[in-house]
């Protein structure tokens, strides 16, 4: 088995969302689960919208950690 060098990503070491959405394995899992790419993109957009309006706690901690 040959080891492959990891793809260069941002400083976080994580792939960009666009790269993940283009991944054929993700597409296979979505097909298996009966979810369209459009459904996933809509869920992501909804989460982004909710996070954009979520109030931060006064102490600076995220409301998601509660």
Protein backbone atom coordinates (compact mmCIF):
# COMPACT_ATOMS: atom_id res chain seq x y z
CA UNK A 1 0.00 0.00 0.00
CA UNK A 2 1.45 3.35 -1.03
CA UNK A 3 1.13 6.31 1.32
CA UNK A 4 -0.11 9.49 -0.31
CA UNK A 5 0.89 12.96 0.76
CA UNK A 6 -2.05 14.88 2.18
CA UNK A 7 -3.55 17.49 -0.07
CA UNK A 8 -2.49 21.02 0.80
CA UNK A 9 -5.21 22.75 2.78
CA UNK A 10 -5.59 25.93 4.68
CA UNK A 11 -3.66 26.30 7.89
CA UNK A 12 -6.34 24.31 9.72
CA UNK A 13 -5.34 21.19 7.84
CA UNK A 14 -8.98 20.66 6.90
CA UNK A 15 -10.33 20.61 3.36
CA UNK A 16 -12.53 23.44 2.15
CA UNK A 17 -16.26 22.78 2.07
CA UNK A 18 -16.22 22.89 -1.73
CA UNK A 19 -13.64 20.10 -1.80
CA UNK A 20 -15.80 17.97 0.48
CA UNK A 21 -18.90 18.60 -1.62
CA UNK A 22 -16.99 17.44 -4.72
CA UNK A 23 -15.83 14.21 -3.07
CA UNK A 24 -17.19 11.11 -4.83
CA UNK A 25 -17.36 9.22 -1.52
CA UNK A 26 -19.67 11.91 -0.11
CA UNK A 27 -21.83 11.59 -3.23
CA UNK A 28 -22.03 7.80 -2.76
CA UNK A 29 -23.08 8.20 0.89
CA UNK A 30 -25.69 10.80 -0.04
CA UNK A 31 -27.12 8.47 -2.73
CA UNK A 32 -27.20 5.57 -0.27
CA UNK A 33 -29.03 7.72 2.28
CA UNK A 34 -31.45 9.17 -0.27
CA UNK A 35 -30.22 12.73 0.20
CA UNK A 36 -29.55 15.04 -2.72
CA UNK A 37 -26.59 17.37 -2.88
CA UNK A 38 -29.14 20.20 -3.00
CA UNK A 39 -30.66 18.98 0.27
CA UNK A 40 -27.23 18.97 1.92
CA UNK A 41 -26.39 22.42 0.56
CA UNK A 42 -29.74 23.75 1.85
CA UNK A 43 -29.04 22.29 5.31
CA UNK A 44 -25.60 23.91 5.33
CA UNK A 45 -27.05 27.26 4.24
CA UNK A 46 -29.68 27.02 6.99
CA UNK A 47 -27.06 26.26 9.62
CA UNK A 48 -24.91 29.15 8.43
CA UNK A 49 -27.89 31.50 8.64
CA UNK A 50 -28.74 30.36 12.17
CA UNK A 51 -25.13 30.71 13.28
CA UNK A 52 -24.93 34.19 11.78
CA UNK A 53 -27.79 35.41 13.99
CA UNK A 54 -27.03 33.34 17.10
CA UNK A 55 -26.27 35.67 20.01
CA UNK A 56 -22.91 35.22 21.72
CA UNK A 57 -22.88 34.89 25.49
CA UNK A 58 -21.60 37.92 27.41
CA UNK A 59 -18.48 36.03 28.53
CA UNK A 60 -17.54 35.38 24.89
CA UNK A 61 -18.37 31.68 24.88
CA UNK A 62 -20.46 30.28 22.10
CA UNK A 63 -24.13 29.58 22.70
CA UNK A 64 -23.54 26.20 21.01
CA UNK A 65 -21.41 24.93 23.89
CA UNK A 66 -24.22 25.19 26.43
